[in-house]
């Protein structure tokens, strides 16, 4: 028997009753408007995380991060990448003022105010430097398909916003995020070998995926399956990686963030970064869970045909494939240091 997911808490769930407004009901309306805020107050987070207990300071993050986020070499590299000064820095948030404001009828809850603050002060795209066109790319932290239960757990995932759209099965075809002409025209993508069934026969520490072509009968293009081989080390010059962000009491207020970073592997110089946050209020009947899959992200990070939450989009802007992509001009002019491209 199928089960529907519980609905998230909403500050407007009680006030949108559809009842006709009558004279003399101002006190009743005020009570109805404040009721959800009282519920949120009862669920107010404490100062300590309930899941994460050990935190580690890393060069690339303003706050210590959970030890669980440093589970392998590529994760440690991702969190060590230092961002240029042009990228927005953390701006403190006045929680006490937000709590007082939340008591007013129809005012946003503290979590929503905090989310808006992070979107206004930190979210954005920064295209810092233009690289040369490339035949392939190194995908440093491959994603897998995540289950619904994981996307409802508050502390389970490092970057719920990033993985919520990665819904294809973990098979050899997952390489089509990078090798899928004419949309994405990298000739190959290289990744660390993982302990999954479709890589079981690979003995080398890395893999290379290449050769995929979707069948396009209307254009007379035959389809070709993805090819897999093991390699001893990556040869791609540039890499794309990702890392979760941690801000003071963010998860406790149902917020998570992610940074997608394009960098040069030899120097670890950052060429582009996209920072995004998601706000996912807890479910009404499961106050310790979050609706990450339905959460709202910052609108100032403009997703378009050349942007999105998939890892292949941002690299294509600064280290584009040699073969032109259908939706991206073949040549992009590099921004100068004094006019770094940003969506902010």
Protein backbone atom coordinates (compact mmCIF):
# COMPACT_ATOMS: atom_id res chain seq x y z
CA UNK A 1 0.00 0.00 0.00
CA UNK A 2 1.44 3.32 -1.01
CA UNK A 3 1.85 6.04 1.56
CA UNK A 4 1.85 9.77 0.92
CA UNK A 5 4.51 11.91 2.51
CA UNK A 6 3.32 14.11 5.38
CA UNK A 7 2.86 17.77 4.62
CA UNK A 8 5.52 20.25 5.80
CA UNK A 9 4.70 22.82 8.45
CA UNK A 10 3.74 26.16 6.96
CA UNK A 11 3.29 29.50 8.64
CA UNK A 12 0.17 29.97 6.50
CA UNK A 13 -1.43 26.55 7.01
CA UNK A 14 -3.83 27.78 9.70
CA UNK A 15 -4.59 31.27 8.39
CA UNK A 16 -5.66 30.07 4.94
CA UNK A 17 -8.95 28.61 6.18
CA UNK A 18 -11.19 30.01 3.46
CA UNK A 19 -13.62 31.33 6.06
CA UNK A 20 -15.53 34.55 5.46
CA UNK A 21 -14.11 37.39 7.51
CA UNK A 22 -16.75 38.79 9.88
CA UNK A 23 -16.78 41.90 12.07
CA UNK A 24 -15.63 41.49 15.63
CA UNK A 25 -13.28 38.59 14.93
CA UNK A 26 -9.97 40.47 15.27
CA UNK A 27 -8.93 38.62 18.47
CA UNK A 28 -9.82 35.29 16.85
CA UNK A 29 -7.82 36.13 13.73
CA UNK A 30 -4.84 37.14 15.85
CA UNK A 31 -4.97 33.83 17.72
CA UNK A 32 -5.22 31.87 14.48
CA UNK A 33 -2.27 33.78 13.02
CA UNK A 34 -0.09 33.29 16.09
CA UNK A 35 -0.92 29.60 16.56
CA UNK A 36 1.63 28.29 14.05
CA UNK A 37 4.29 30.50 15.59
CA UNK A 38 3.56 29.05 19.01
CA UNK A 39 4.00 25.60 17.52
CA UNK A 40 7.35 26.60 16.04
CA UNK A 41 8.37 28.12 19.36
CA UNK A 42 7.70 24.79 21.09
CA UNK A 43 9.90 23.15 18.46
CA UNK A 44 12.65 25.75 18.81
CA UNK A 45 16.08 24.14 18.34
CA UNK A 46 18.60 23.94 21.08
CA UNK A 47 22.14 25.23 20.78
CA UNK A 48 23.67 21.77 20.26
CA UNK A 49 23.15 19.56 17.24
CA UNK A 50 21.29 16.34 18.01
CA UNK A 51 23.15 14.28 15.41
CA UNK A 52 26.59 15.71 14.90
CA UNK A 53 28.82 15.63 17.94
CA UNK A 54 32.36 15.94 16.57
CA UNK A 55 33.37 18.94 14.47
CA UNK A 56 36.59 19.63 12.59
CA UNK A 57 38.06 22.95 11.45
CA UNK A 58 39.02 22.96 7.74
CA UNK A 59 40.75 25.61 5.60
CA UNK A 60 37.84 26.10 3.20
CA UNK A 61 34.98 26.64 5.66
CA UNK A 62 34.20 29.49 8.09
CA UNK A 63 32.70 27.10 10.68
CA UNK A 64 33.93 23.71 11.86
CA UNK A 65 32.14 20.94 9.97
CA UNK A 66 30.89 17.50 11.06
CA UNK A 67 33.60 14.86 11.08
CA UNK A 68 31.31 12.64 8.98
CA UNK A 69 31.75 15.02 6.04
CA UNK A 70 35.44 14.11 5.73
CA UNK A 71 34.94 10.44 4.94
CA UNK A 72 37.44 10.15 2.04
CA UNK A 73 40.29 11.93 0.28
CA UNK A 74 38.09 13.74 -2.22
CA UNK A 75 35.83 15.05 0.52
CA UNK A 76 38.87 16.33 2.41
CA UNK A 77 40.15 18.05 -0.73
CA UNK A 78 36.75 19.66 -1.34
CA UNK A 79 36.62 21.13 2.15
CA UNK A 80 40.21 22.34 1.92
CA UNK A 81 39.64 24.53 -1.15
CA UNK A 82 39.99 28.19 -0.24
CA UNK A 83 37.72 30.68 -1.95
CA UNK A 84 38.93 34.05 -3.29
CA UNK A 85 38.00 37.17 -1.33
CA UNK A 86 35.51 38.22 -4.00
CA UNK A 87 33.18 35.41 -2.89
CA UNK A 88 30.66 36.54 -0.27
CA UNK A 89 31.63 35.92 3.34
CA UNK A 90 29.42 34.87 6.24
CA UNK A 91 27.35 37.68 7.78
CA UNK A 92 26.11 37.21 11.35
CA UNK A 93 22.38 36.81 11.96
CA UNK A 94 20.49 38.27 14.94
CA UNK A 95 18.51 35.28 16.22
CA UNK A 96 17.06 37.15 19.20
CA UNK A 97 15.65 39.88 17.01
CA UNK A 98 14.22 37.25 14.65
CA UNK A 99 12.51 35.47 17.56
CA UNK A 100 10.86 38.69 18.69
CA UNK A 101 9.72 39.43 15.16
CA UNK A 102 8.28 35.93 14.75
CA UNK A 103 5.73 36.59 17.50
CA UNK A 104 3.92 39.18 15.36
CA UNK A 105 0.84 37.92 13.50
CA UNK A 106 1.66 36.68 9.99
CA UNK A 107 5.39 37.27 10.52
CA UNK A 108 7.83 34.71 9.15
CA UNK A 109 9.20 32.10 11.52
CA UNK A 110 12.83 32.32 12.60
CA UNK A 111 13.96 29.66 10.14
CA UNK A 112 12.43 31.50 7.20
CA UNK A 113 14.02 34.79 8.30
CA UNK A 114 17.39 33.06 8.61
CA UNK A 115 17.02 31.48 5.17
CA UNK A 116 16.20 34.86 3.60
CA UNK A 117 19.25 36.33 5.31
CA UNK A 118 21.55 33.62 3.92
CA UNK A 119 20.09 34.05 0.43
CA UNK A 120 20.54 37.81 0.56
CA UNK A 121 24.09 37.81 1.92
CA UNK A 122 25.78 34.62 0.69
CA UNK A 123 24.03 32.81 -2.17
CA UNK A 124 25.19 33.29 -5.74
CA UNK A 125 27.35 32.25 -8.70
CA UNK A 126 30.93 33.41 -9.11
CA UNK A 127 32.64 32.73 -12.45
CA UNK A 128 36.16 33.65 -11.43
CA UNK A 129 38.38 32.56 -14.30
CA UNK A 130 38.02 31.13 -17.79
CA UNK A 131 39.78 27.87 -18.58
CA UNK A 132 40.64 26.39 -21.94
CA UNK A 133 38.11 24.07 -23.64
CA UNK A 134 38.55 20.48 -22.47
CA UNK A 135 37.92 17.00 -23.86
CA UNK A 136 36.98 15.68 -20.44
CA UNK A 137 36.43 16.45 -16.79
CA UNK A 138 37.17 14.87 -13.42
CA UNK A 139 34.06 14.34 -11.27
CA UNK A 140 35.69 14.22 -7.86
CA UNK A 141 32.67 13.25 -5.75
CA UNK A 142 30.19 11.14 -7.77
CA UNK A 143 26.62 11.12 -6.52
CA UNK A 144 24.40 8.13 -6.07
CA UNK A 145 20.64 7.84 -5.96
CA UNK A 146 19.27 8.74 -2.55
CA UNK A 147 16.16 7.25 -1.02
CA UNK A 148 13.16 9.15 0.28
CA UNK A 149 13.99 8.38 3.91
CA UNK A 150 17.43 9.96 3.50
CA UNK A 151 15.87 13.09 2.01
CA UNK A 152 13.64 13.43 5.08
CA UNK A 153 16.37 13.02 7.70
CA UNK A 154 17.63 16.31 9.11
CA UNK A 155 21.27 15.32 9.63
CA UNK A 156 21.73 12.34 7.32
CA UNK A 157 23.03 14.06 4.18
CA UNK A 158 25.87 16.52 3.77
CA UNK A 159 24.14 18.42 0.96
CA UNK A 160 20.43 17.52 0.59
CA UNK A 161 19.87 20.31 -1.95
CA UNK A 162 22.40 18.85 -4.37
CA UNK A 163 21.33 15.23 -4.21
CA UNK A 164 17.57 15.74 -4.37
CA UNK A 165 17.63 15.97 -8.18
CA UNK A 166 20.00 13.05 -8.61
CA UNK A 167 17.26 10.50 -9.03
CA UNK A 168 18.63 8.21 -11.76
CA UNK A 169 19.82 4.73 -10.72
CA UNK A 170 23.50 4.29 -9.87
CA UNK A 171 24.56 2.54 -13.08
CA UNK A 172 27.06 3.08 -15.88
CA UNK A 173 24.54 5.47 -17.46
CA UNK A 174 25.07 7.98 -14.64
CA UNK A 175 27.98 9.24 -16.72
CA UNK A 176 25.44 10.76 -19.10
CA UNK A 177 25.30 13.79 -16.84
CA UNK A 178 28.64 14.71 -18.46
CA UNK A 179 28.79 12.71 -21.72
CA UNK A 180 25.50 13.20 -23.52
CA UNK A 181 25.80 15.03 -26.85
CA UNK A 182 24.56 17.38 -28.12
CA UNK A 183 23.49 18.73 -24.72
CA UNK A 184 26.64 17.90 -22.72
CA UNK A 185 29.56 17.20 -25.06
CA UNK A 186 32.50 16.24 -22.88
CA UNK A 187 34.13 13.22 -24.52
CA UNK A 188 34.80 11.54 -21.17
CA UNK A 189 34.35 11.92 -17.45
CA UNK A 190 36.74 10.39 -14.91
CA UNK A 191 35.81 9.45 -11.35
CA UNK A 192 37.16 7.60 -8.32
CA UNK A 193 36.27 3.91 -8.43
CA UNK A 194 33.48 3.04 -6.02
CA UNK A 195 32.26 -0.19 -4.47
CA UNK A 196 29.16 -0.61 -6.64
CA UNK A 197 28.06 -3.53 -8.78
CA UNK A 198 28.71 -1.98 -12.17
CA UNK A 199 32.32 -1.21 -11.24
CA UNK A 200 33.00 -4.60 -9.61
CA UNK A 201 35.34 -5.82 -12.37
CA UNK A 202 37.49 -2.67 -12.33
CA UNK A 203 40.78 -3.13 -10.50
CA UNK A 204 42.25 0.33 -11.00
CA UNK A 205 41.52 3.11 -8.46
CA UNK A 206 39.75 5.32 -11.02
CA UNK A 207 37.30 4.88 -13.89
CA UNK A 208 36.64 6.64 -17.18
CA UNK A 209 33.23 6.82 -18.85
CA UNK A 210 32.96 7.76 -22.52
CA UNK A 211 31.28 7.11 -25.86
CA UNK A 212 27.62 7.57 -24.93
CA UNK A 213 25.23 8.86 -27.59
CA UNK A 214 21.48 8.91 -27.20
CA UNK A 215 19.57 7.72 -30.24
CA UNK A 216 18.05 10.66 -32.12
CA UNK A 217 16.17 9.20 -35.05
CA UNK A 218 14.73 12.54 -36.15
CA UNK A 219 18.27 13.79 -36.72
CA UNK A 220 19.63 10.54 -38.11
CA UNK A 221 21.89 9.92 -35.10
CA UNK A 222 22.44 6.35 -33.93
CA UNK A 223 22.67 5.54 -30.26
CA UNK A 224 25.81 4.20 -28.58
CA UNK A 225 26.11 2.77 -25.05
CA UNK A 226 28.37 4.22 -22.40
CA UNK A 227 31.85 2.67 -22.27
CA UNK A 228 33.65 1.96 -19.01
CA UNK A 229 37.33 1.34 -18.33
CA UNK A 230 39.66 1.49 -15.36
CA UNK A 231 42.52 3.98 -15.20
CA UNK A 232 45.42 4.34 -12.79
CA UNK A 233 45.04 8.10 -12.33
CA UNK A 234 42.92 10.92 -13.74
CA UNK A 235 44.27 12.88 -16.69
CA UNK A 236 41.63 15.64 -16.76
CA UNK A 237 43.05 19.05 -15.98
CA UNK A 238 39.94 20.42 -14.28
CA UNK A 239 37.61 18.93 -11.69
CA UNK A 240 34.18 19.61 -10.32
CA UNK A 241 33.46 18.89 -6.68
CA UNK A 242 30.93 19.83 -4.03
CA UNK A 243 30.73 20.31 -0.30
CA UNK A 244 28.07 20.97 2.27
CA UNK A 245 28.16 24.24 4.16
CA UNK A 246 27.63 24.75 7.86
CA UNK A 247 26.34 27.95 9.36
CA UNK A 248 25.40 28.57 12.98
CA UNK A 249 22.23 26.62 13.83
CA UNK A 250 21.33 26.13 10.17
CA UNK A 251 20.13 22.52 10.29
CA UNK A 252 18.39 23.20 13.58
CA UNK A 253 16.35 25.79 11.68
CA UNK A 254 15.72 23.43 8.74
CA UNK A 255 18.32 24.99 6.43
CA UNK A 256 21.16 23.35 4.54
CA UNK A 257 23.63 24.72 2.02
CA UNK A 258 25.94 23.45 -0.70
CA UNK A 259 28.84 24.78 -2.73
CA UNK A 260 29.63 23.42 -6.21
CA UNK A 261 33.23 24.23 -7.12
CA UNK A 262 35.22 23.98 -10.35
CA UNK A 263 38.98 23.95 -9.81
CA UNK A 264 42.28 23.14 -11.47
CA UNK A 265 43.55 19.87 -10.08
CA UNK A 266 47.28 20.65 -10.15
CA UNK A 267 47.08 24.03 -8.41
CA UNK A 268 43.67 23.72 -6.68
CA UNK A 269 42.84 27.18 -7.96
CA UNK A 270 39.10 27.79 -7.89
CA UNK A 271 37.62 28.81 -11.27
CA UNK A 272 33.93 28.95 -10.36
CA UNK A 273 31.63 28.46 -7.40
CA UNK A 274 27.89 28.20 -6.96
CA UNK A 275 26.57 28.56 -3.41
CA UNK A 276 22.96 27.72 -2.73
CA UNK A 277 20.74 27.14 0.32
CA UNK A 278 17.47 25.31 0.85
CA UNK A 279 14.80 25.84 3.50
CA UNK A 280 12.67 22.80 4.29
CA UNK A 281 10.35 23.21 7.30
CA UNK A 282 9.72 20.08 9.38
CA UNK A 283 6.80 17.81 8.68
CA UNK A 284 3.74 18.52 10.81
CA UNK A 285 3.60 15.03 12.31
CA UNK A 286 7.37 14.40 12.17
CA UNK A 287 8.96 17.51 13.72
CA UNK A 288 12.46 16.03 13.65
CA UNK A 289 12.33 15.39 9.89
CA UNK A 290 12.60 17.77 6.97
CA UNK A 291 11.10 17.97 3.50
CA UNK A 292 14.43 18.44 1.70
CA UNK A 293 13.03 17.18 -1.60
CA UNK A 294 10.37 19.91 -1.60
CA UNK A 295 12.38 22.67 0.09
CA UNK A 296 12.70 26.16 -1.34
CA UNK A 297 16.07 27.35 -2.66
CA UNK A 298 17.35 30.90 -3.11
CA UNK A 299 15.81 32.55 -6.16
CA UNK A 300 18.81 34.81 -6.70
CA UNK A 301 20.82 31.82 -7.94
CA UNK A 302 19.45 31.84 -11.45
CA UNK A 303 18.95 28.39 -12.92
CA UNK A 304 18.55 28.31 -16.68
CA UNK A 305 19.52 26.19 -19.68
CA UNK A 306 23.13 26.66 -18.60
CA UNK A 307 22.59 26.26 -14.88
CA UNK A 308 21.07 23.87 -12.42
CA UNK A 309 21.72 21.62 -9.48
CA UNK A 310 23.52 19.00 -11.57
CA UNK A 311 27.30 18.92 -11.33
CA UNK A 312 27.94 19.21 -15.08
CA UNK A 313 26.36 22.65 -15.55
CA UNK A 314 28.80 24.93 -13.78
CA UNK A 315 32.00 23.44 -15.31
CA UNK A 316 30.55 23.95 -18.80
CA UNK A 317 30.55 27.71 -18.20
CA UNK A 318 34.25 28.06 -17.36
CA UNK A 319 35.89 24.92 -18.77
CA UNK A 320 33.59 24.08 -21.70
CA UNK A 321 33.93 20.97 -23.85
CA UNK A 322 35.98 21.21 -27.04
CA UNK A 323 32.92 20.19 -29.03
CA UNK A 324 30.32 23.00 -28.88
CA UNK A 325 27.18 22.29 -26.90
CA UNK A 326 23.78 23.00 -28.37
CA UNK A 327 22.72 25.33 -25.58
CA UNK A 328 26.05 27.05 -24.85
CA UNK A 329 28.14 29.38 -27.04
CA UNK A 330 31.43 27.69 -28.02
CA UNK A 331 33.55 30.56 -26.66
CA UNK A 332 33.15 32.47 -23.41
CA UNK A 333 35.14 35.56 -22.61
CA UNK A 334 37.03 35.38 -19.35
CA UNK A 335 35.96 38.01 -16.82
CA UNK A 336 38.67 40.35 -15.60
CA UNK A 337 39.60 40.30 -11.90
CA UNK A 338 37.87 43.64 -11.36
CA UNK A 339 34.59 42.54 -12.90
CA UNK A 340 34.17 38.98 -11.73
CA UNK A 341 30.89 37.57 -13.00
CA UNK A 342 28.42 36.92 -10.21
CA UNK A 343 24.69 36.48 -9.89
CA UNK A 344 24.62 38.45 -6.67
